[in-house]
Amino acid sequence: LSHAVRISPLGNNAIAIVTLIVMVAAMATSSVDRRTEAEVRRLNQDLEQRVAERTLQLEALNHALRKEIAERKRAEEALRQTQTRTESVLESVADIHILFDRGWHYLYVNRAAVRAIGSPREQILGRTLWELFPDIIGTELDRQYRRAMGERFPVVFDFYYPTLNTWWENRFYPTPE
């Protein structure tokens, strides 16, 4: 049994046209693929360049920040050392040294002040002068304290404190805040 297929000239033309369409489509697709790949490569390169530039910027900023942190730590250490030396000097002198804020709260008292006040440092700091010594309100000491603080002017005078039966030699030196 044999079977032969005969294709008409019109059929041959149709096959040729379809083949041509497939080839053109393949070529067009290939061309589009090449252009797409080229565009993706270009975008990738652009992105990589931008990432590299930004990375350099961030590295420079990070370096500057590390340098600033190191400088700040050195300054803080120098400040701590200065504070320690100052407190050491003030603690070693026999004179009473007290530092008040503008609200009359004790900010600092040296060892001599702690002995004179007769309370532990922890019970003095943060409290006001008037809380610890309410009986000086209205006295010459009160007036002179307020004058020194109000006028921001040094005041020197002696004061007899009857509660403890003692004389106090006072020197008030207002400091800038």
C-alpha atoms as a PDB file:
ATOM      1  CA  LEU A   1       0.000   0.000   0.000  1.00  0.00           C
ATOM      2  CA  SER A   2       1.512   3.205  -1.033  1.00  0.00           C
ATOM      3  CA  HIS A   3       0.207   6.578  -0.506  1.00  0.00           C
ATOM      4  CA  ALA A   4       1.474   9.704  -2.120  1.00  0.00           C
ATOM      5  CA  VAL A   5       0.727  13.196  -1.071  1.00  0.00           C
ATOM      6  CA  ARG A   6       0.755  15.856  -3.564  1.00  0.00           C
ATOM      7  CA  ILE A   7       0.987  19.496  -2.535  1.00  0.00           C
ATOM      8  CA  SER A   8      -0.439  22.061  -4.803  1.00  0.00           C
ATOM      9  CA  PRO A   9       1.612  25.119  -5.835  1.00  0.00           C
ATOM     10  CA  LEU A  10      -0.622  27.192  -3.582  1.00  0.00           C
ATOM     11  CA  GLY A  11       0.202  24.891  -0.662  1.00  0.00           C
ATOM     12  CA  ASN A  12       3.917  25.206  -1.407  1.00  0.00           C
ATOM     13  CA  ASN A  13       3.575  28.956  -1.318  1.00  0.00           C
ATOM     14  CA  ALA A  14       1.734  28.794   2.013  1.00  0.00           C
ATOM     15  CA  ILE A  15       4.465  26.629   3.522  1.00  0.00           C
ATOM     16  CA  ALA A  16       7.093  29.005   2.204  1.00  0.00           C
ATOM     17  CA  ILE A  17       5.228  31.987   3.652  1.00  0.00           C
ATOM     18  CA  VAL A  18       4.807  30.333   7.047  1.00  0.00           C
ATOM     19  CA  THR A  19       8.486  29.371   7.060  1.00  0.00           C
ATOM     20  CA  LEU A  20       9.429  32.913   6.167  1.00  0.00           C
ATOM     21  CA  ILE A  21       7.221  34.306   8.948  1.00  0.00           C
ATOM     22  CA  VAL A  22       8.771  31.943  11.496  1.00  0.00           C
ATOM     23  CA  MET A  23      12.277  32.918  10.372  1.00  0.00           C
ATOM     24  CA  VAL A  24      11.491  36.653  10.499  1.00  0.00           C
ATOM     25  CA  ALA A  25       9.906  36.234  13.936  1.00  0.00           C
ATOM     26  CA  ALA A  26      12.934  34.285  15.144  1.00  0.00           C
ATOM     27  CA  MET A  27      15.252  36.979  13.824  1.00  0.00           C
ATOM     28  CA  ALA A  28      13.143  39.742  15.363  1.00  0.00           C
ATOM     29  CA  THR A  29      13.013  37.899  18.676  1.00  0.00           C
ATOM     30  CA  SER A  30      16.750  37.336  18.559  1.00  0.00           C
ATOM     31  CA  SER A  31      17.305  41.020  17.814  1.00  0.00           C
ATOM     32  CA  VAL A  32      14.978  42.072  20.645  1.00  0.00           C
ATOM     33  CA  ASP A  33      16.715  39.619  22.983  1.00  0.00           C
ATOM     34  CA  ARG A  34      20.127  41.060  22.086  1.00  0.00           C
ATOM     35  CA  ARG A  35      18.893  44.624  22.616  1.00  0.00           C
ATOM     36  CA  THR A  36      17.245  43.651  25.909  1.00  0.00           C
ATOM     37  CA  GLU A  37      20.400  41.912  27.088  1.00  0.00           C
ATOM     38  CA  ALA A  38      22.477  44.939  26.100  1.00  0.00           C
ATOM     39  CA  GLU A  39      20.084  47.271  27.969  1.00  0.00           C
ATOM     40  CA  VAL A  40      20.108  45.019  31.057  1.00  0.00           C
ATOM     41  CA  ARG A  41      23.934  44.921  30.957  1.00  0.00           C
ATOM     42  CA  ARG A  42      24.065  48.723  30.675  1.00  0.00           C
ATOM     43  CA  LEU A  43      21.603  49.168  33.557  1.00  0.00           C
ATOM     44  CA  ASN A  44      23.579  46.684  35.656  1.00  0.00           C
ATOM     45  CA  GLN A  45      26.816  48.547  35.005  1.00  0.00           C
ATOM     46  CA  ASP A  46      25.144  51.853  35.827  1.00  0.00           C
ATOM     47  CA  LEU A  47      23.726  50.409  39.043  1.00  0.00           C
ATOM     48  CA  GLU A  48      27.065  48.879  40.030  1.00  0.00           C
ATOM     49  CA  GLN A  49      28.786  52.219  39.442  1.00  0.00           C
ATOM     50  CA  ARG A  50      26.205  54.055  41.550  1.00  0.00           C
ATOM     51  CA  VAL A  51      26.551  51.458  44.335  1.00  0.00           C
ATOM     52  CA  ALA A  52      30.348  51.798  44.219  1.00  0.00           C
ATOM     53  CA  GLU A  53      30.127  55.610  44.412  1.00  0.00           C
ATOM     54  CA  ARG A  54      27.655  55.510  47.289  1.00  0.00           C
ATOM     55  CA  THR A  55      29.790  52.905  49.074  1.00  0.00           C
ATOM     56  CA  LEU A  56      32.800  55.240  48.846  1.00  0.00           C
ATOM     57  CA  GLN A  57      30.699  58.101  50.216  1.00  0.00           C
ATOM     58  CA  LEU A  58      29.471  55.972  53.108  1.00  0.00           C
ATOM     59  CA  GLU A  59      32.986  54.730  53.863  1.00  0.00           C
ATOM     60  CA  ALA A  60      34.232  58.324  53.986  1.00  0.00           C
ATOM     61  CA  LEU A  61      31.363  59.342  56.287  1.00  0.00           C
ATOM     62  CA  ASN A  62      31.944  56.295  58.462  1.00  0.00           C
ATOM     63  CA  HIS A  63      35.641  57.154  58.737  1.00  0.00           C
ATOM     64  CA  ALA A  64      34.811  60.751  59.692  1.00  0.00           C
ATOM     65  CA  LEU A  65      32.282  59.537  62.262  1.00  0.00           C
ATOM     66  CA  ARG A  66      34.795  57.116  63.810  1.00  0.00           C
ATOM     67  CA  LYS A  67      37.328  59.948  63.982  1.00  0.00           C
ATOM     68  CA  GLU A  68      34.768  62.255  65.646  1.00  0.00           C
ATOM     69  CA  ILE A  69      33.830  59.541  68.156  1.00  0.00           C
ATOM     70  CA  ALA A  70      37.504  58.995  69.024  1.00  0.00           C
ATOM     71  CA  GLU A  71      38.017  62.755  69.470  1.00  0.00           C
ATOM     72  CA  ARG A  72      34.919  62.981  71.637  1.00  0.00           C
ATOM     73  CA  LYS A  73      36.113  60.075  73.801  1.00  0.00           C
ATOM     74  CA  ARG A  74      39.508  61.778  74.236  1.00  0.00           C
ATOM     75  CA  ALA A  75      37.779  65.038  75.202  1.00  0.00           C
ATOM     76  CA  GLU A  76      35.485  63.229  77.653  1.00  0.00           C
ATOM     77  CA  GLU A  77      38.472  61.477  79.227  1.00  0.00           C
ATOM     78  CA  ALA A  78      40.355  64.776  79.507  1.00  0.00           C
ATOM     79  CA  LEU A  79      37.269  66.322  81.129  1.00  0.00           C
ATOM     80  CA  ARG A  80      36.996  63.395  83.575  1.00  0.00           C
ATOM     81  CA  GLN A  81      40.666  63.775  84.493  1.00  0.00           C
ATOM     82  CA  THR A  82      40.264  67.516  85.004  1.00  0.00           C
ATOM     83  CA  GLN A  83      37.182  66.973  87.127  1.00  0.00           C
ATOM     84  CA  THR A  84      38.975  64.331  89.179  1.00  0.00           C
ATOM     85  CA  ARG A  85      41.961  66.646  89.745  1.00  0.00           C
ATOM     86  CA  THR A  86      39.697  69.557  90.695  1.00  0.00           C
ATOM     87  CA  GLU A  87      37.682  67.432  93.110  1.00  0.00           C
ATOM     88  CA  SER A  88      40.896  66.018  94.557  1.00  0.00           C
ATOM     89  CA  VAL A  89      42.208  69.526  95.223  1.00  0.00           C
ATOM     90  CA  LEU A  90      38.916  70.714  96.705  1.00  0.00           C
ATOM     91  CA  GLU A  91      38.638  67.592  98.862  1.00  0.00           C
ATOM     92  CA  SER A  92      42.143  68.078 100.253  1.00  0.00           C
ATOM     93  CA  VAL A  93      41.737  71.680 101.439  1.00  0.00           C
ATOM     94  CA  ALA A  94      40.532  72.517 104.916  1.00  0.00           C
ATOM     95  CA  ASP A  95      38.261  75.339 103.678  1.00  0.00           C
ATOM     96  CA  ILE A  96      34.613  74.650 103.027  1.00  0.00           C
ATOM     97  CA  HIS A  97      33.708  74.675  99.335  1.00  0.00           C
ATOM     98  CA  ILE A  98      30.073  74.522  98.270  1.00  0.00           C
ATOM     99  CA  LEU A  99      28.500  74.903  94.853  1.00  0.00           C
ATOM    100  CA  PHE A 100      24.816  75.889  94.572  1.00  0.00           C
ATOM    101  CA  ASP A 101      22.624  76.148  91.487  1.00  0.00           C
ATOM    102  CA  ARG A 102      20.354  79.182  91.019  1.00  0.00           C
ATOM    103  CA  GLY A 103      17.592  77.391  92.935  1.00  0.00           C
ATOM    104  CA  TRP A 104      19.914  77.076  95.941  1.00  0.00           C
ATOM    105  CA  HIS A 105      20.319  73.302  95.550  1.00  0.00           C
ATOM    106  CA  TYR A 106      23.630  71.881  96.677  1.00  0.00           C
ATOM    107  CA  LEU A 107      25.523  70.658  93.602  1.00  0.00           C
ATOM    108  CA  TYR A 108      28.884  70.020  95.254  1.00  0.00           C
ATOM    109  CA  VAL A 109      30.257  69.942  98.795  1.00  0.00           C
ATOM    110  CA  ASN A 110      33.839  69.075  99.675  1.00  0.00           C
ATOM    111  CA  ARG A 111      34.878  66.949 102.661  1.00  0.00           C
ATOM    112  CA  ALA A 112      35.254  70.015 104.929  1.00  0.00           C
ATOM    113  CA  ALA A 113      31.697  71.125 104.049  1.00  0.00           C
ATOM    114  CA  VAL A 114      30.348  67.646 104.809  1.00  0.00           C
ATOM    115  CA  ARG A 115      32.027  67.765 108.239  1.00  0.00           C
ATOM    116  CA  ALA A 116      30.752  71.289 108.948  1.00  0.00           C
ATOM    117  CA  ILE A 117      27.184  70.509 107.863  1.00  0.00           C
ATOM    118  CA  GLY A 118      27.224  67.259 109.835  1.00  0.00           C
ATOM    119  CA  SER A 119      25.310  65.131 107.326  1.00  0.00           C
ATOM    120  CA  PRO A 120      26.459  62.563 104.771  1.00  0.00           C
ATOM    121  CA  ARG A 121      27.103  63.997 101.313  1.00  0.00           C
ATOM    122  CA  GLU A 122      24.199  61.940  99.888  1.00  0.00           C
ATOM    123  CA  GLN A 123      21.798  63.718 102.279  1.00  0.00           C
ATOM    124  CA  ILE A 124      23.135  67.148 101.292  1.00  0.00           C
ATOM    125  CA  LEU A 125      23.363  67.061  97.486  1.00  0.00           C
ATOM    126  CA  GLY A 126      20.173  68.033  95.701  1.00  0.00           C
ATOM    127  CA  ARG A 127      18.623  69.633  98.766  1.00  0.00           C
ATOM    128  CA  THR A 128      18.359  73.393  99.165  1.00  0.00           C
ATOM    129  CA  LEU A 129      20.288  75.571 101.558  1.00  0.00           C
ATOM    130  CA  TRP A 130      16.992  76.488 103.231  1.00  0.00           C
ATOM    131  CA  GLU A 131      16.026  72.839 103.742  1.00  0.00           C
ATOM    132  CA  LEU A 132      19.231  72.159 105.642  1.00  0.00           C
ATOM    133  CA  PHE A 133      19.365  75.507 107.470  1.00  0.00           C
ATOM    134  CA  PRO A 134      15.832  76.920 107.778  1.00  0.00           C
ATOM    135  CA  ASP A 135      16.898  79.087 110.710  1.00  0.00           C
ATOM    136  CA  ILE A 136      19.120  81.303 108.499  1.00  0.00           C
ATOM    137  CA  ILE A 137      16.126  82.596 106.535  1.00  0.00           C
ATOM    138  CA  GLY A 138      15.883  86.351 107.108  1.00  0.00           C
ATOM    139  CA  THR A 139      19.398  86.634 108.587  1.00  0.00           C
ATOM    140  CA  GLU A 140      22.322  88.665 107.279  1.00  0.00           C
ATOM    141  CA  LEU A 141      23.724  85.434 105.812  1.00  0.00           C
ATOM    142  CA  ASP A 142      20.501  84.927 103.842  1.00  0.00           C
ATOM    143  CA  ARG A 143      20.611  88.540 102.577  1.00  0.00           C
ATOM    144  CA  GLN A 144      24.265  88.269 101.553  1.00  0.00           C
ATOM    145  CA  TYR A 145      23.729  84.920  99.790  1.00  0.00           C
ATOM    146  CA  ARG A 146      20.837  86.391  97.840  1.00  0.00           C
ATOM    147  CA  ARG A 147      22.788  89.559  97.057  1.00  0.00           C
ATOM    148  CA  ALA A 148      25.740  87.569  95.679  1.00  0.00           C
ATOM    149  CA  MET A 149      23.467  85.371  93.571  1.00  0.00           C
ATOM    150  CA  GLY A 150      21.175  88.169  92.416  1.00  0.00           C
ATOM    151  CA  GLU A 151      23.840  90.733  91.536  1.00  0.00           C
ATOM    152  CA  ARG A 152      26.339  88.105  90.358  1.00  0.00           C
ATOM    153  CA  PHE A 153      28.920  89.893  92.485  1.00  0.00           C
ATOM    154  CA  PRO A 154      31.428  88.388  94.992  1.00  0.00           C
ATOM    155  CA  VAL A 155      30.541  89.001  98.640  1.00  0.00           C
ATOM    156  CA  VAL A 156      32.829  88.605 101.679  1.00  0.00           C
ATOM    157  CA  PHE A 157      31.638  88.896 105.311  1.00  0.00           C
ATOM    158  CA  ASP A 158      31.613  87.168 108.700  1.00  0.00           C
ATOM    159  CA  PHE A 159      28.458  85.701 110.200  1.00  0.00           C
ATOM    160  CA  TYR A 160      27.723  84.434 113.696  1.00  0.00           C
ATOM    161  CA  TYR A 161      25.537  81.318 113.593  1.00  0.00           C
ATOM    162  CA  PRO A 162      23.870  81.023 117.017  1.00  0.00           C
ATOM    163  CA  THR A 163      22.439  77.541 116.406  1.00  0.00           C
ATOM    164  CA  LEU A 164      25.963  76.082 116.425  1.00  0.00           C
ATOM    165  CA  ASN A 165      27.561  78.959 118.380  1.00  0.00           C
ATOM    166  CA  THR A 166      30.120  79.453 115.594  1.00  0.00           C
ATOM    167  CA  TRP A 167      31.468  82.243 113.437  1.00  0.00           C
ATOM    168  CA  TRP A 168      31.490  81.681 109.689  1.00  0.00           C
ATOM    169  CA  GLU A 169      33.909  83.503 107.429  1.00  0.00           C
ATOM    170  CA  ASN A 170      32.032  83.667 104.137  1.00  0.00           C
ATOM    171  CA  ARG A 171      33.248  84.324 100.597  1.00  0.00           C
ATOM    172  CA  PHE A 172      30.598  83.997  97.922  1.00  0.00           C
ATOM    173  CA  TYR A 173      31.751  83.878  94.310  1.00  0.00           C
ATOM    174  CA  PRO A 174      28.907  83.592  91.804  1.00  0.00           C
ATOM    175  CA  THR A 175      29.912  81.606  88.727  1.00  0.00           C
ATOM    176  CA  PRO A 176      28.450  81.761  85.233  1.00  0.00           C
ATOM    177  CA  GLU A 177      26.090  78.901  84.523  1.00  0.00           C
END
